[in-house]
PDB file of N, CA and C in Angstrom:
ATOM      1  N   UNK A   1     -47.345   2.963  17.831  1.00  0.00           N
ATOM      2  CA  UNK A   1     -46.483   1.689  17.198  1.00  0.00           C
ATOM      3  C   UNK A   1     -45.807   1.991  15.935  1.00  0.00           C
ATOM      4  N   UNK A   2     -46.614   2.869  14.911  1.00  0.00           N
ATOM      5  CA  UNK A   2     -46.281   3.063  13.777  1.00  0.00           C
ATOM      6  C   UNK A   2     -45.052   4.136  13.747  1.00  0.00           C
ATOM      7  N   UNK A   3     -45.050   5.009  14.774  1.00  0.00           N
ATOM      8  CA  UNK A   3     -44.146   6.090  15.135  1.00  0.00           C
ATOM      9  C   UNK A   3     -42.972   5.283  15.504  1.00  0.00           C
ATOM     10  N   UNK A   4     -42.822   4.193  16.218  1.00  0.00           N
ATOM     11  CA  UNK A   4     -41.513   3.228  16.772  1.00  0.00           C
ATOM     12  C   UNK A   4     -41.126   2.709  15.523  1.00  0.00           C
ATOM     13  N   UNK A   5     -41.831   2.082  14.784  1.00  0.00           N
ATOM     14  CA  UNK A   5     -41.347   1.512  13.617  1.00  0.00           C
ATOM     15  C   UNK A   5     -40.736   2.094  12.791  1.00  0.00           C
ATOM     16  N   UNK A   6     -41.174   3.361  12.556  1.00  0.00           N
ATOM     17  CA  UNK A   6     -40.433   4.642  11.546  1.00  0.00           C
ATOM     18  C   UNK A   6     -39.165   5.070  12.199  1.00  0.00           C
ATOM     19  N   UNK A   7     -39.077   5.142  13.557  1.00  0.00           N
ATOM     20  CA  UNK A   7     -37.704   5.411  14.269  1.00  0.00           C
ATOM     21  C   UNK A   7     -36.644   4.481  14.060  1.00  0.00           C
ATOM     22  N   UNK A   8     -37.166   3.292  14.428  1.00  0.00           N
ATOM     23  CA  UNK A   8     -36.492   2.152  13.998  1.00  0.00           C
ATOM     24  C   UNK A   8     -35.855   2.003  12.752  1.00  0.00           C
ATOM     25  N   UNK A   9     -36.454   2.378  11.821  1.00  0.00           N
ATOM     26  CA  UNK A   9     -36.149   2.138  10.379  1.00  0.00           C
ATOM     27  C   UNK A   9     -35.224   3.167  10.265  1.00  0.00           C
ATOM     28  N   UNK A  10     -35.511   4.359  10.466  1.00  0.00           N
ATOM     29  CA  UNK A  10     -34.617   5.577  10.278  1.00  0.00           C
ATOM     30  C   UNK A  10     -33.269   5.379  11.195  1.00  0.00           C
ATOM     31  N   UNK A  11     -33.096   4.758  12.210  1.00  0.00           N
ATOM     32  CA  UNK A  11     -31.991   4.585  12.914  1.00  0.00           C
ATOM     33  C   UNK A  11     -31.066   3.402  12.115  1.00  0.00           C
ATOM     34  N   UNK A  12     -31.818   2.465  11.431  1.00  0.00           N
ATOM     35  CA  UNK A  12     -31.099   1.463  10.538  1.00  0.00           C
ATOM     36  C   UNK A  12     -30.648   2.027   9.721  1.00  0.00           C
ATOM     37  N   UNK A  13     -31.006   2.942   8.991  1.00  0.00           N
ATOM     38  CA  UNK A  13     -30.503   3.654   7.644  1.00  0.00           C
ATOM     39  C   UNK A  13     -29.464   4.709   7.819  1.00  0.00           C
ATOM     40  N   UNK A  14     -29.387   5.033   8.993  1.00  0.00           N
ATOM     41  CA  UNK A  14     -28.218   6.053   9.638  1.00  0.00           C
ATOM     42  C   UNK A  14     -27.102   5.395  10.110  1.00  0.00           C
ATOM     43  N   UNK A  15     -27.393   3.954  10.501  1.00  0.00           N
ATOM     44  CA  UNK A  15     -26.166   3.329  11.148  1.00  0.00           C
ATOM     45  C   UNK A  15     -24.811   3.487  10.175  1.00  0.00           C
ATOM     46  N   UNK A  16     -24.900   3.068   9.013  1.00  0.00           N
ATOM     47  CA  UNK A  16     -23.735   2.924   8.164  1.00  0.00           C
ATOM     48  C   UNK A  16     -23.077   4.132   8.193  1.00  0.00           C
ATOM     49  N   UNK A  17     -23.729   5.174   7.800  1.00  0.00           N
ATOM     50  CA  UNK A  17     -23.136   6.483   7.996  1.00  0.00           C
ATOM     51  C   UNK A  17     -22.338   6.694   9.323  1.00  0.00           C
ATOM     52  N   UNK A  18     -22.739   6.478  10.431  1.00  0.00           N
ATOM     53  CA  UNK A  18     -22.288   6.644  11.614  1.00  0.00           C
ATOM     54  C   UNK A  18     -21.172   5.678  12.014  1.00  0.00           C
ATOM     55  N   UNK A  19     -21.017   4.709  11.532  1.00  0.00           N
ATOM     56  CA  UNK A  19     -19.909   3.706  11.500  1.00  0.00           C
ATOM     57  C   UNK A  19     -18.680   4.056  10.971  1.00  0.00           C
ATOM     58  N   UNK A  20     -18.689   4.912  10.145  1.00  0.00           N
ATOM     59  CA  UNK A  20     -17.551   5.363   9.408  1.00  0.00           C
ATOM     60  C   UNK A  20     -16.322   5.753  10.050  1.00  0.00           C
ATOM     61  N   UNK A  21     -15.135   5.315   9.713  1.00  0.00           N
ATOM     62  CA  UNK A  21     -13.852   5.593  10.210  1.00  0.00           C
ATOM     63  C   UNK A  21     -13.288   6.457   9.854  1.00  0.00           C
ATOM     64  N   UNK A  22     -12.814   7.557  10.739  1.00  0.00           N
ATOM     65  CA  UNK A  22     -11.925   8.817  10.536  1.00  0.00           C
ATOM     66  C   UNK A  22     -10.719   8.302   9.603  1.00  0.00           C
ATOM     67  N   UNK A  23     -10.071   8.707   8.416  1.00  0.00           N
ATOM     68  CA  UNK A  23      -8.965   8.290   7.958  1.00  0.00           C
ATOM     69  C   UNK A  23      -7.730   8.902   8.607  1.00  0.00           C
ATOM     70  N   UNK A  24      -6.448   8.076   8.604  1.00  0.00           N
ATOM     71  CA  UNK A  24      -5.464   8.675   9.422  1.00  0.00           C
ATOM     72  C   UNK A  24      -4.492   9.000   8.236  1.00  0.00           C
ATOM     73  N   UNK A  25      -3.798  10.012   8.673  1.00  0.00           N
ATOM     74  CA  UNK A  25      -2.494  10.409   7.873  1.00  0.00           C
ATOM     75  C   UNK A  25      -1.338   9.698   7.626  1.00  0.00           C
ATOM     76  N   UNK A  26      -0.687   9.636   6.518  1.00  0.00           N
ATOM     77  CA  UNK A  26       0.461   8.651   6.401  1.00  0.00           C
ATOM     78  C   UNK A  26       1.631   9.417   6.558  1.00  0.00           C
ATOM     79  N   UNK A  27       2.789   9.122   7.428  1.00  0.00           N
ATOM     80  CA  UNK A  27       3.805   9.913   7.472  1.00  0.00           C
ATOM     81  C   UNK A  27       5.003   9.279   6.395  1.00  0.00           C
ATOM     82  N   UNK A  28       5.547  10.252   5.913  1.00  0.00           N
ATOM     83  CA  UNK A  28       6.595  10.052   4.902  1.00  0.00           C
ATOM     84  C   UNK A  28       8.195   9.652   5.830  1.00  0.00           C
ATOM     85  N   UNK A  29       8.394   8.821   5.281  1.00  0.00           N
ATOM     86  CA  UNK A  29       9.660   8.037   6.017  1.00  0.00           C
ATOM     87  C   UNK A  29      10.909   8.204   4.881  1.00  0.00           C
ATOM     88  N   UNK A  30      12.261   8.683   5.267  1.00  0.00           N
ATOM     89  CA  UNK A  30      13.303   8.548   4.492  1.00  0.00           C
ATOM     90  C   UNK A  30      13.974   7.307   4.546  1.00  0.00           C
ATOM     91  N   UNK A  31      14.311   6.845   3.400  1.00  0.00           N
ATOM     92  CA  UNK A  31      14.981   5.540   3.295  1.00  0.00           C
ATOM     93  C   UNK A  31      16.469   5.695   3.410  1.00  0.00           C
ATOM     94  N   UNK A  32      17.091   5.118   4.297  1.00  0.00           N
ATOM     95  CA  UNK A  32      18.421   5.198   4.378  1.00  0.00           C
ATOM     96  C   UNK A  32      19.174   4.181   4.094  1.00  0.00           C
ATOM     97  N   UNK A  33      18.700   2.913   4.168  1.00  0.00           N
ATOM     98  CA  UNK A  33      19.282   1.662   3.866  1.00  0.00           C
ATOM     99  C   UNK A  33      18.238   0.640   3.326  1.00  0.00           C
ATOM    100  N   UNK A  34      18.544  -0.251   2.454  1.00  0.00           N
ATOM    101  CA  UNK A  34      17.602  -1.096   1.799  1.00  0.00           C
ATOM    102  C   UNK A  34      16.954  -2.218   2.972  1.00  0.00           C
ATOM    103  N   UNK A  35      15.866  -2.623   2.696  1.00  0.00           N
ATOM    104  CA  UNK A  35      15.206  -3.471   3.909  1.00  0.00           C
ATOM    105  C   UNK A  35      16.021  -4.817   3.322  1.00  0.00           C
ATOM    106  N   UNK A  36      15.910  -5.662   4.458  1.00  0.00           N
ATOM    107  CA  UNK A  36      16.696  -6.845   4.333  1.00  0.00           C
ATOM    108  C   UNK A  36      16.055  -7.830   3.213  1.00  0.00           C
ATOM    109  N   UNK A  37      16.915  -8.381   2.170  1.00  0.00           N
ATOM    110  CA  UNK A  37      16.261  -9.277   1.228  1.00  0.00           C
ATOM    111  C   UNK A  37      16.060  -8.542   0.149  1.00  0.00           C
ATOM    112  N   UNK A  38      16.330  -7.201   0.118  1.00  0.00           N
ATOM    113  CA  UNK A  38      15.921  -6.224  -1.081  1.00  0.00           C
ATOM    114  C   UNK A  38      17.083  -5.568  -1.812  1.00  0.00           C
ATOM    115  N   UNK A  39      18.316  -6.023  -1.186  1.00  0.00           N
ATOM    116  CA  UNK A  39      19.549  -5.267  -1.746  1.00  0.00           C
ATOM    117  C   UNK A  39      19.628  -5.472  -2.980  1.00  0.00           C
ATOM    118  N   UNK A  40      19.126  -6.298  -3.600  1.00  0.00           N
ATOM    119  CA  UNK A  40      19.305  -6.595  -5.019  1.00  0.00           C
ATOM    120  C   UNK A  40      18.438  -5.731  -5.915  1.00  0.00           C
ATOM    121  N   UNK A  41      17.072  -5.401  -5.418  1.00  0.00           N
ATOM    122  CA  UNK A  41      16.238  -4.838  -6.061  1.00  0.00           C
ATOM    123  C   UNK A  41      16.527  -3.188  -6.185  1.00  0.00           C
ATOM    124  N   UNK A  42      16.935  -2.822  -5.191  1.00  0.00           N
ATOM    125  CA  UNK A  42      17.292  -1.196  -5.203  1.00  0.00           C
ATOM    126  C   UNK A  42      18.324  -1.004  -4.350  1.00  0.00           C
ATOM    127  N   UNK A  43      18.961   0.387  -4.519  1.00  0.00           N
ATOM    128  CA  UNK A  43      20.077   0.853  -3.893  1.00  0.00           C
ATOM    129  C   UNK A  43      19.840   2.275  -3.497  1.00  0.00           C
ATOM    130  N   UNK A  44      20.249   2.447  -2.488  1.00  0.00           N
ATOM    131  CA  UNK A  44      19.706   4.137  -1.823  1.00  0.00           C
ATOM    132  C   UNK A  44      21.417   4.682  -1.747  1.00  0.00           C
ATOM    133  N   UNK A  45      21.459   5.931  -2.693  1.00  0.00           N
ATOM    134  CA  UNK A  45      22.603   6.647  -2.735  1.00  0.00           C
ATOM    135  C   UNK A  45      22.857   7.404  -1.351  1.00  0.00           C
ATOM    136  N   UNK A  46      23.822   7.134  -0.635  1.00  0.00           N
ATOM    137  CA  UNK A  46      23.915   7.656   0.587  1.00  0.00           C
ATOM    138  C   UNK A  46      24.133   9.366   0.602  1.00  0.00           C
ATOM    139  N   UNK A  47      24.567   9.834  -0.484  1.00  0.00           N
ATOM    140  CA  UNK A  47      24.812  11.350  -0.427  1.00  0.00           C
ATOM    141  C   UNK A  47      23.465  12.156  -0.685  1.00  0.00           C
ATOM    142  N   UNK A  48      22.850  11.686  -1.863  1.00  0.00           N
ATOM    143  CA  UNK A  48      21.724  12.276  -2.313  1.00  0.00           C
ATOM    144  C   UNK A  48      20.349  11.744  -1.663  1.00  0.00           C
ATOM    145  N   UNK A  49      20.465  10.414  -1.300  1.00  0.00           N
ATOM    146  CA  UNK A  49      19.350   9.945  -0.842  1.00  0.00           C
ATOM    147  C   UNK A  49      18.159   9.383  -2.117  1.00  0.00           C
ATOM    148  N   UNK A  50      18.764   9.547  -3.189  1.00  0.00           N
ATOM    149  CA  UNK A  50      18.077   8.869  -4.521  1.00  0.00           C
ATOM    150  C   UNK A  50      18.105   7.365  -4.371  1.00  0.00           C
ATOM    151  N   UNK A  51      17.003   6.795  -4.849  1.00  0.00           N
ATOM    152  CA  UNK A  51      16.788   5.311  -5.000  1.00  0.00           C
ATOM    153  C   UNK A  51      16.972   4.981  -6.467  1.00  0.00           C
ATOM    154  N   UNK A  52      17.781   4.015  -6.469  1.00  0.00           N
ATOM    155  CA  UNK A  52      17.869   3.397  -7.850  1.00  0.00           C
ATOM    156  C   UNK A  52      17.524   1.959  -7.908  1.00  0.00           C
ATOM    157  N   UNK A  53      16.393   1.911  -8.803  1.00  0.00           N
ATOM    158  CA  UNK A  53      15.853   0.611  -8.761  1.00  0.00           C
ATOM    159  C   UNK A  53      15.964  -0.345 -10.219  1.00  0.00           C
ATOM    160  N   UNK A  54      16.443  -1.434  -9.996  1.00  0.00           N
ATOM    161  CA  UNK A  54      16.612  -2.442 -11.116  1.00  0.00           C
ATOM    162  C   UNK A  54      15.327  -2.956 -11.502  1.00  0.00           C
ATOM    163  N   UNK A  55      14.667  -2.133 -12.514  1.00  0.00           N
ATOM    164  CA  UNK A  55      13.122  -2.904 -13.048  1.00  0.00           C
ATOM    165  C   UNK A  55      13.463  -3.930 -13.653  1.00  0.00           C
ATOM    166  N   UNK A  56      14.418  -4.502 -14.566  1.00  0.00           N
ATOM    167  CA  UNK A  56      14.551  -5.668 -15.046  1.00  0.00           C
ATOM    168  C   UNK A  56      14.364  -6.740 -14.046  1.00  0.00           C
ATOM    169  N   UNK A  57      15.150  -6.634 -13.055  1.00  0.00           N
ATOM    170  CA  UNK A  57      15.194  -7.732 -11.921  1.00  0.00           C
ATOM    171  C   UNK A  57      13.745  -7.859 -11.286  1.00  0.00           C
ATOM    172  N   UNK A  58      13.256  -6.818 -11.045  1.00  0.00           N
ATOM    173  CA  UNK A  58      11.880  -6.797 -10.358  1.00  0.00           C
ATOM    174  C   UNK A  58      10.905  -7.535 -11.047  1.00  0.00           C
ATOM    175  N   UNK A  59      10.921  -7.203 -12.475  1.00  0.00           N
ATOM    176  CA  UNK A  59      10.017  -7.941 -13.364  1.00  0.00           C
ATOM    177  C   UNK A  59      10.336  -9.424 -13.375  1.00  0.00           C
ATOM    178  N   UNK A  60      11.759  -9.805 -13.546  1.00  0.00           N
ATOM    179  CA  UNK A  60      11.882 -11.092 -13.641  1.00  0.00           C
ATOM    180  C   UNK A  60      11.746 -11.713 -12.388  1.00  0.00           C
ATOM    181  N   UNK A  61      11.695 -11.222 -11.293  1.00  0.00           N
ATOM    182  CA  UNK A  61      11.292 -11.953  -9.894  1.00  0.00           C
ATOM    183  C   UNK A  61       9.873 -12.285  -9.859  1.00  0.00           C
ATOM    184  N   UNK A  62       8.931 -10.981 -10.298  1.00  0.00           N
ATOM    185  CA  UNK A  62       7.516 -11.203 -10.062  1.00  0.00           C
ATOM    186  C   UNK A  62       7.278 -12.358 -11.211  1.00  0.00           C
ATOM    187  N   UNK A  63       7.853 -12.264 -12.315  1.00  0.00           N
ATOM    188  CA  UNK A  63       7.503 -13.479 -13.505  1.00  0.00           C
ATOM    189  C   UNK A  63       7.639 -14.798 -13.015  1.00  0.00           C
ATOM    190  N   UNK A  64       8.932 -14.944 -12.392  1.00  0.00           N
ATOM    191  CA  UNK A  64       9.654 -16.465 -12.050  1.00  0.00           C
ATOM    192  C   UNK A  64       9.210 -16.734 -10.687  1.00  0.00           C
ATOM    193  N   UNK A  65       8.669 -15.823  -9.804  1.00  0.00           N
ATOM    194  CA  UNK A  65       8.728 -15.982  -8.426  1.00  0.00           C
ATOM    195  C   UNK A  65       9.686 -16.752  -7.950  1.00  0.00           C
ATOM    196  N   UNK A  66      11.136 -16.233  -8.385  1.00  0.00           N
ATOM    197  CA  UNK A  66      12.265 -17.009  -7.907  1.00  0.00           C
ATOM    198  C   UNK A  66      12.761 -16.866  -6.581  1.00  0.00           C
ATOM    199  N   UNK A  67      12.532 -15.521  -6.232  1.00  0.00           N
ATOM    200  CA  UNK A  67      12.951 -15.198  -4.737  1.00  0.00           C
ATOM    201  C   UNK A  67      11.808 -14.617  -3.576  1.00  0.00           C
ATOM    202  N   UNK A  68      11.465 -15.549  -3.094  1.00  0.00           N
ATOM    203  CA  UNK A  68      10.409 -15.448  -1.922  1.00  0.00           C
ATOM    204  C   UNK A  68      10.760 -14.473  -0.999  1.00  0.00           C
ATOM    205  N   UNK A  69      11.555 -13.884  -0.916  1.00  0.00           N
ATOM    206  CA  UNK A  69      11.828 -12.953  -0.002  1.00  0.00           C
ATOM    207  C   UNK A  69      11.599 -11.486  -0.483  1.00  0.00           C
ATOM    208  N   UNK A  70      12.205 -11.396  -1.855  1.00  0.00           N
ATOM    209  CA  UNK A  70      12.015 -10.164  -2.483  1.00  0.00           C
ATOM    210  C   UNK A  70      10.713 -10.163  -3.455  1.00  0.00           C
ATOM    211  N   UNK A  71       9.968 -11.207  -3.324  1.00  0.00           N
ATOM    212  CA  UNK A  71       8.810 -11.243  -4.445  1.00  0.00           C
ATOM    213  C   UNK A  71       7.815 -10.218  -3.728  1.00  0.00           C
ATOM    214  N   UNK A  72       7.182 -10.017  -2.583  1.00  0.00           N
ATOM    215  CA  UNK A  72       6.402  -9.137  -2.486  1.00  0.00           C
ATOM    216  C   UNK A  72       6.951  -7.516  -2.446  1.00  0.00           C
ATOM    217  N   UNK A  73       7.933  -7.351  -2.352  1.00  0.00           N
ATOM    218  CA  UNK A  73       8.667  -5.766  -2.633  1.00  0.00           C
ATOM    219  C   UNK A  73       8.865  -5.685  -4.053  1.00  0.00           C
ATOM    220  N   UNK A  74       8.987  -6.809  -4.580  1.00  0.00           N
ATOM    221  CA  UNK A  74       8.881  -6.439  -6.369  1.00  0.00           C
ATOM    222  C   UNK A  74       7.566  -6.048  -6.842  1.00  0.00           C
ATOM    223  N   UNK A  75       6.666  -6.854  -6.114  1.00  0.00           N
ATOM    224  CA  UNK A  75       5.282  -6.969  -6.840  1.00  0.00           C
ATOM    225  C   UNK A  75       4.613  -5.605  -6.372  1.00  0.00           C
ATOM    226  N   UNK A  76       5.101  -4.833  -5.122  1.00  0.00           N
ATOM    227  CA  UNK A  76       4.490  -3.650  -4.863  1.00  0.00           C
ATOM    228  C   UNK A  76       5.230  -2.724  -5.637  1.00  0.00           C
ATOM    229  N   UNK A  77       6.675  -2.484  -5.773  1.00  0.00           N
ATOM    230  CA  UNK A  77       7.294  -1.878  -6.710  1.00  0.00           C
ATOM    231  C   UNK A  77       6.707  -1.463  -8.315  1.00  0.00           C
ATOM    232  N   UNK A  78       6.246  -2.927  -8.673  1.00  0.00           N
ATOM    233  CA  UNK A  78       5.514  -2.862 -10.153  1.00  0.00           C
ATOM    234  C   UNK A  78       4.248  -2.400 -10.259  1.00  0.00           C
ATOM    235  N   UNK A  79       3.692  -2.746  -8.956  1.00  0.00           N
ATOM    236  CA  UNK A  79       2.182  -2.102  -9.009  1.00  0.00           C
ATOM    237  C   UNK A  79       2.222  -0.550  -8.898  1.00  0.00           C
ATOM    238  N   UNK A  80       3.132   0.202  -8.177  1.00  0.00           N
ATOM    239  CA  UNK A  80       3.322   1.576  -7.917  1.00  0.00           C
ATOM    240  C   UNK A  80       3.403   2.124  -9.222  1.00  0.00           C
ATOM    241  N   UNK A  81       4.522   1.477  -9.984  1.00  0.00           N
ATOM    242  CA  UNK A  81       5.063   2.033 -11.178  1.00  0.00           C
ATOM    243  C   UNK A  81       4.000   2.131 -12.411  1.00  0.00           C
ATOM    244  N   UNK A  82       3.319   0.873 -12.178  1.00  0.00           N
ATOM    245  CA  UNK A  82       2.207   0.764 -13.172  1.00  0.00           C
ATOM    246  C   UNK A  82       0.951   1.390 -12.947  1.00  0.00           C
ATOM    247  N   UNK A  83       0.860   1.946 -11.895  1.00  0.00           N
ATOM    248  CA  UNK A  83      -0.346   2.841 -11.465  1.00  0.00           C
ATOM    249  C   UNK A  83      -1.419   1.863 -10.888  1.00  0.00           C
ATOM    250  N   UNK A  84      -1.232   0.751 -10.705  1.00  0.00           N
ATOM    251  CA  UNK A  84      -2.268  -0.535 -10.273  1.00  0.00           C
ATOM    252  C   UNK A  84      -2.331  -0.243  -8.728  1.00  0.00           C
ATOM    253  N   UNK A  85      -1.628   0.317  -8.111  1.00  0.00           N
ATOM    254  CA  UNK A  85      -1.501   0.585  -6.733  1.00  0.00           C
ATOM    255  C   UNK A  85      -2.437   1.864  -6.389  1.00  0.00           C
ATOM    256  N   UNK A  86      -3.099   2.024  -5.491  1.00  0.00           N
ATOM    257  CA  UNK A  86      -3.719   3.597  -5.108  1.00  0.00           C
ATOM    258  C   UNK A  86      -3.605   3.740  -3.518  1.00  0.00           C
ATOM    259  N   UNK A  87      -3.077   4.893  -3.101  1.00  0.00           N
ATOM    260  CA  UNK A  87      -3.119   4.893  -1.658  1.00  0.00           C
ATOM    261  C   UNK A  87      -4.383   5.035  -1.144  1.00  0.00           C
ATOM    262  N   UNK A  88      -4.447   5.053   0.090  1.00  0.00           N
ATOM    263  CA  UNK A  88      -5.955   4.877   0.698  1.00  0.00           C
ATOM    264  C   UNK A  88      -6.074   6.330   1.273  1.00  0.00           C
ATOM    265  N   UNK A  89      -7.348   6.786   0.587  1.00  0.00           N
ATOM    266  CA  UNK A  89      -7.517   8.514   0.855  1.00  0.00           C
ATOM    267  C   UNK A  89      -9.029   8.448   1.958  1.00  0.00           C
TER     268      UNK A  89
END
């Protein structure tokens, strides 16, 4: 009986380690055109692929919450810029 109880307790202790999910890799995508609703926040240079961001507008949208469509994109852009957003590892 004591052996069975010890075995069950060991299994309970190991369960969280066995349930861990393997991390998936993230694929990098090249932006060709802005997402719908975000044309005002950033522009993609068609020749170089460089992204030009209007930081002042992004800050204003987040502060005033004036554009519901662009708000989540502006929040994410500012979080990445400010180092508050971290990729999953």
